Amino acid sequence: MTEFSYQLYSSRKFGPLNRTISMLADAGYKQVEGFGGIYDDPEALRGQLDQASLTMPTGHFDLKMIEDAPKKAIEIAKILGIKALFVPYLAAVDRPETADGWLAFGRRLEEAGKPINDAGLNFGWHNHDFELKRLAGNALPLDLILEGGKELVLELDLAWVSVAGHRPSDLVRKYSDRLIAVHLKDIAKTGDCFDEDGWEDVGHGTIEWEDTIQSVRETDCQFLVMEHDNPNDDARFARRSIASAKTF
């Protein structure tokens, strides 16, 4: 847990991918995390990463690809050097409303991920806030997902944890046996960053990073991934965030 990664989704609005890759290398990143919009030509992408001395050990993959075309997902991962694949989202219309439904969804994820695991790769879930809002009966959907899918690993988005009303360090410790990656994301102070959907550069917002990073260091987490859902300047976000993170 010595290098910082960057979720390339953060720069989706800022020109060609090779520009982003060059910017990140100059900013001091060693790793990046992929997402579904950039996998059309994995060989060319691998070439760009190699030229910039960047690796892509983790990636987000749509559940539809994992279920319908697992061989394609595995091929993409092998070309790019991805070691852990995460499903990052479930549309509101598809979300279960009951505890049994979320348990079944966890089982569905685990079944879908069997070919990924059989290929020697990790497979798991990346959270937002909806999995951390209590159901009738007080259960958390994320608990049920992990109970239904006992082999799933977890990438915990620390800011969404806070948005859902939890202390990030508490959930890091709670899920420590499943945690292999975290998203370092920050929340702006009330009234700030309206044009960036209320997100802030890492270390410049309201997350209690000293306590949070200490909890992460107590686990076997392997990947620290910077993310901002809607920066108005991705180069500023990348530079300021890695500078802050190096001081944690």
Protein backbone atom coordinates (compact mmCIF):
# COMPACT_ATOMS: atom_id res chain seq x y z
CA MET A 1 0.00 0.00 0.00
CA THR A 2 2.69 2.46 -1.05
CA GLU A 3 1.49 3.76 -4.43
CA PHE A 4 -1.55 5.89 -5.24
CA SER A 5 -3.97 5.08 -8.03
CA TYR A 6 -6.45 7.26 -9.92
CA GLN A 7 -9.91 6.33 -11.15
CA LEU A 8 -9.89 7.41 -14.79
CA TYR A 9 -13.63 8.10 -14.64
CA SER A 10 -12.63 11.31 -12.83
CA SER A 11 -11.17 12.64 -16.09
CA ARG A 12 -13.83 11.43 -18.51
CA LYS A 13 -14.77 15.00 -19.52
CA PHE A 14 -11.25 16.29 -20.13
CA GLY A 15 -10.10 15.29 -23.55
CA PRO A 16 -8.37 12.22 -24.96
CA LEU A 17 -7.22 9.46 -22.65
CA ASN A 18 -3.57 9.79 -23.64
CA ARG A 19 -3.65 13.38 -22.34
CA THR A 20 -4.99 12.13 -18.98
CA ILE A 21 -2.40 9.37 -18.76
CA SER A 22 0.43 11.82 -19.40
CA MET A 23 -0.97 14.26 -16.83
CA LEU A 24 -1.18 11.56 -14.17
CA ALA A 25 2.35 10.32 -14.78
CA ASP A 26 3.64 13.88 -14.46
CA ALA A 27 1.67 14.30 -11.22
CA GLY A 28 3.42 11.30 -9.66
CA TYR A 29 0.84 8.53 -9.96
CA LYS A 30 2.02 4.99 -10.55
CA GLN A 31 -1.36 3.27 -10.97
CA VAL A 32 -4.74 3.95 -12.53
CA GLU A 33 -8.13 2.28 -12.26
CA GLY A 34 -10.18 1.57 -15.37
CA PHE A 35 -13.89 1.86 -16.05
CA GLY A 36 -16.24 0.57 -18.71
CA GLY A 37 -15.91 3.47 -21.12
CA ILE A 38 -12.24 2.85 -21.97
CA TYR A 39 -11.97 -0.87 -22.72
CA ASP A 40 -12.75 -0.82 -26.46
CA ASP A 41 -9.10 -1.27 -27.48
CA PRO A 42 -7.24 -2.75 -24.50
CA GLU A 43 -4.05 -3.40 -26.47
CA ALA A 44 -3.73 0.26 -27.43
CA LEU A 45 -4.54 1.32 -23.87
CA ARG A 46 -1.91 -1.03 -22.49
CA GLY A 47 0.62 0.55 -24.83
CA GLN A 48 -0.23 4.04 -23.58
CA LEU A 49 0.06 2.92 -19.96
CA ASP A 50 3.39 1.19 -20.55
CA GLN A 51 4.79 4.27 -22.24
CA ALA A 52 3.85 6.37 -19.20
CA SER A 53 5.13 3.72 -16.71
CA LEU A 54 1.63 3.32 -15.27
CA THR A 55 -0.11 0.09 -14.31
CA MET A 56 -3.82 -0.70 -14.05
CA PRO A 57 -4.21 -3.26 -11.24
CA THR A 58 -7.94 -2.63 -10.72
CA GLY A 59 -10.92 -1.91 -12.93
CA HIS A 60 -14.66 -1.33 -12.85
CA PHE A 61 -16.77 -3.59 -15.06
CA ASP A 62 -20.49 -3.48 -15.77
CA LEU A 63 -22.43 -6.41 -14.33
CA LYS A 64 -23.91 -7.12 -17.75
CA MET A 65 -20.46 -7.83 -19.18
CA ILE A 66 -19.51 -9.98 -16.20
CA GLU A 67 -22.68 -12.05 -16.57
CA ASP A 68 -23.02 -12.15 -20.36
CA ALA A 69 -19.41 -12.06 -21.53
CA PRO A 70 -17.06 -13.13 -18.73
CA LYS A 71 -14.44 -14.34 -21.20
CA LYS A 72 -14.30 -10.85 -22.71
CA ALA A 73 -13.90 -9.29 -19.26
CA ILE A 74 -11.11 -11.72 -18.41
CA GLU A 75 -9.36 -11.05 -21.72
CA ILE A 76 -9.49 -7.28 -21.11
CA ALA A 77 -8.16 -7.77 -17.58
CA LYS A 78 -5.30 -10.00 -18.73
CA ILE A 79 -4.22 -7.54 -21.43
CA LEU A 80 -4.30 -4.58 -19.07
CA GLY A 81 -2.82 -6.37 -16.07
CA ILE A 82 -5.94 -5.92 -13.96
CA LYS A 83 -5.89 -8.14 -10.86
CA ALA A 84 -9.22 -7.11 -9.29
CA LEU A 85 -12.52 -6.47 -11.09
CA PHE A 86 -15.30 -4.56 -9.34
CA VAL A 87 -18.94 -4.09 -10.29
CA PRO A 88 -19.48 -0.42 -9.40
CA TYR A 89 -23.20 0.28 -9.51
CA LEU A 90 -26.76 -0.96 -9.61
CA ALA A 91 -29.42 1.28 -11.15
CA ALA A 92 -32.21 2.36 -8.81
CA VAL A 93 -34.83 0.46 -10.79
CA ASP A 94 -32.87 -2.78 -10.28
CA ARG A 95 -32.22 -2.46 -6.55
CA PRO A 96 -33.92 -4.95 -4.23
CA GLU A 97 -36.28 -3.62 -1.59
CA THR A 98 -35.98 -6.43 0.95
CA ALA A 99 -33.26 -8.19 2.89
CA ASP A 100 -33.93 -11.42 0.99
CA GLY A 101 -33.56 -9.53 -2.26
CA TRP A 102 -30.15 -8.19 -1.30
CA LEU A 103 -29.02 -11.62 -0.15
CA ALA A 104 -30.07 -12.99 -3.51
CA PHE A 105 -28.18 -10.19 -5.25
CA GLY A 106 -25.03 -11.15 -3.33
CA ARG A 107 -25.46 -14.74 -4.49
CA ARG A 108 -25.99 -13.49 -8.04
CA LEU A 109 -22.76 -11.50 -7.91
CA GLU A 110 -20.81 -14.45 -6.57
CA GLU A 111 -22.17 -16.74 -9.28
CA ALA A 112 -21.32 -14.19 -11.96
CA GLY A 113 -17.81 -13.83 -10.58
CA LYS A 114 -16.93 -17.53 -10.59
CA PRO A 115 -15.24 -17.41 -14.02
CA ILE A 116 -13.29 -14.35 -12.88
CA ASN A 117 -12.08 -16.12 -9.74
CA ASP A 118 -11.33 -19.28 -11.71
CA ALA A 119 -9.04 -17.18 -13.91
CA GLY A 120 -7.03 -16.25 -10.82
CA LEU A 121 -8.48 -12.75 -10.46
CA ASN A 122 -10.31 -11.05 -7.61
CA PHE A 123 -13.94 -10.06 -8.08
CA GLY A 124 -16.17 -7.91 -5.93
CA TRP A 125 -18.30 -4.87 -5.32
CA HIS A 126 -17.77 -1.10 -5.14
CA ASN A 127 -20.28 0.81 -3.03
CA HIS A 128 -22.19 4.05 -3.24
CA ASP A 129 -24.47 5.27 -0.44
CA PHE A 130 -27.60 3.22 -1.21
CA GLU A 131 -26.04 -0.03 0.05
CA LEU A 132 -25.47 1.64 3.42
CA LYS A 133 -29.00 2.88 4.11
CA ARG A 134 -30.82 0.64 6.53
CA LEU A 135 -33.76 -1.46 5.42
CA ALA A 136 -36.88 -2.19 7.42
CA GLY A 137 -35.55 -4.38 10.21
CA ASN A 138 -32.30 -2.38 10.38
CA ALA A 139 -30.21 -4.52 8.00
CA LEU A 140 -27.62 -2.91 5.72
CA PRO A 141 -27.72 -3.99 2.07
CA LEU A 142 -23.93 -4.14 1.94
CA ASP A 143 -23.88 -6.63 4.81
CA LEU A 144 -26.39 -8.75 2.94
CA ILE A 145 -24.49 -8.55 -0.34
CA LEU A 146 -21.35 -9.83 1.39
CA GLU A 147 -23.29 -12.49 3.27
CA GLY A 148 -24.87 -13.75 0.06
CA GLY A 149 -21.56 -13.59 -1.79
CA LYS A 150 -19.04 -14.98 0.65
CA GLU A 151 -16.17 -14.93 -1.85
CA LEU A 152 -16.68 -11.32 -2.93
CA VAL A 153 -14.00 -8.75 -2.18
CA LEU A 154 -14.77 -5.10 -1.51
CA GLU A 155 -13.64 -1.72 -2.76
CA LEU A 156 -14.96 0.75 -0.18
CA ASP A 157 -15.70 4.29 -1.33
CA LEU A 158 -14.92 6.24 1.83
CA ALA A 159 -16.82 9.40 0.89
CA TRP A 160 -20.02 7.57 0.00
CA VAL A 161 -19.73 5.86 3.38
CA SER A 162 -19.75 9.29 5.00
CA VAL A 163 -22.62 10.52 2.82
CA ALA A 164 -24.66 7.55 4.07
CA GLY A 165 -24.08 8.67 7.65
CA HIS A 166 -21.33 6.29 8.76
CA ARG A 167 -17.83 6.95 10.03
CA PRO A 168 -15.44 5.68 7.33
CA SER A 169 -12.96 4.17 9.78
CA ASP A 170 -15.74 2.17 11.45
CA LEU A 171 -16.72 0.48 8.19
CA VAL A 172 -13.10 -0.04 7.14
CA ARG A 173 -12.61 -2.05 10.32
CA LYS A 174 -15.97 -3.79 9.97
CA TYR A 175 -15.19 -5.04 6.46
CA SER A 176 -11.46 -5.49 6.91
CA ASP A 177 -11.54 -9.18 5.97
CA ARG A 178 -13.01 -8.34 2.54
CA LEU A 179 -11.29 -5.02 1.86
CA ILE A 180 -8.67 -4.93 -0.89
CA ALA A 181 -9.19 -1.39 -2.24
CA VAL A 182 -10.55 1.98 -1.13
CA HIS A 183 -11.59 5.10 -2.99
CA LEU A 184 -10.05 8.23 -1.52
CA LYS A 185 -12.70 10.85 -2.15
CA ASP A 186 -13.53 13.98 -0.18
CA ILE A 187 -16.69 15.94 0.60
CA ALA A 188 -16.74 19.74 0.43
CA LYS A 189 -17.74 21.93 3.33
CA THR A 190 -21.36 22.99 3.34
CA GLY A 191 -21.89 25.64 0.69
CA ASP A 192 -18.67 24.92 -1.22
CA CYS A 193 -18.06 23.28 -4.61
CA PHE A 194 -21.64 23.42 -5.91
CA ASP A 195 -20.24 23.32 -9.45
CA GLU A 196 -18.48 20.05 -8.56
CA ASP A 197 -21.55 18.36 -7.05
CA GLY A 198 -20.29 18.94 -3.52
CA TRP A 199 -17.07 16.92 -3.87
CA GLU A 200 -13.68 18.30 -2.95
CA ASP A 201 -10.03 17.51 -3.65
CA VAL A 202 -8.74 14.83 -1.31
CA GLY A 203 -7.48 16.36 1.92
CA HIS A 204 -9.26 19.66 1.38
CA GLY A 205 -12.75 18.65 2.50
CA THR A 206 -14.45 17.26 5.57
CA ILE A 207 -13.33 13.62 5.74
CA GLU A 208 -11.26 12.87 8.87
CA TRP A 209 -8.29 11.45 6.99
CA GLU A 210 -5.90 10.77 9.87
CA ASP A 211 -8.30 8.36 11.56
CA THR A 212 -9.53 6.96 8.25
CA ILE A 213 -6.10 6.19 6.78
CA GLN A 214 -4.94 4.70 10.05
CA SER A 215 -7.85 2.26 9.89
CA VAL A 216 -6.99 1.36 6.29
CA ARG A 217 -3.37 0.70 7.24
CA GLU A 218 -4.58 -1.83 9.80
CA THR A 219 -6.04 -3.97 6.99
CA ASP A 220 -4.62 -5.87 4.02
CA CYS A 221 -5.96 -3.22 1.62
CA GLN A 222 -3.75 -3.13 -1.48
CA PHE A 223 -5.03 -0.20 -3.54
CA LEU A 224 -5.62 3.48 -2.69
CA VAL A 225 -7.59 5.04 -5.54
CA MET A 226 -8.24 8.79 -5.90
CA GLU A 227 -11.65 9.70 -7.29
CA HIS A 228 -13.74 12.81 -7.88
CA ASP A 229 -17.10 12.35 -9.58
CA ASN A 230 -17.24 15.78 -11.22
CA PRO A 231 -14.11 17.95 -10.97
CA ASN A 232 -14.05 21.19 -12.92
CA ASP A 233 -10.28 20.79 -13.31
CA ASP A 234 -9.04 17.21 -13.22
CA ALA A 235 -5.35 18.16 -13.27
CA ARG A 236 -5.85 20.34 -10.19
CA PHE A 237 -7.71 17.52 -8.47
CA ALA A 238 -5.02 14.97 -9.34
CA ARG A 239 -2.12 17.15 -8.17
CA ARG A 240 -3.67 18.49 -4.97
CA SER A 241 -5.03 15.11 -3.95
CA ILE A 242 -1.80 13.16 -4.29
CA ALA A 243 0.08 15.93 -2.48
CA SER A 244 -2.35 15.71 0.42
CA ALA A 245 -2.41 11.92 0.47
CA LYS A 246 1.38 11.77 0.77
CA THR A 247 1.07 13.63 4.08
CA PHE A 248 -1.54 11.31 5.64
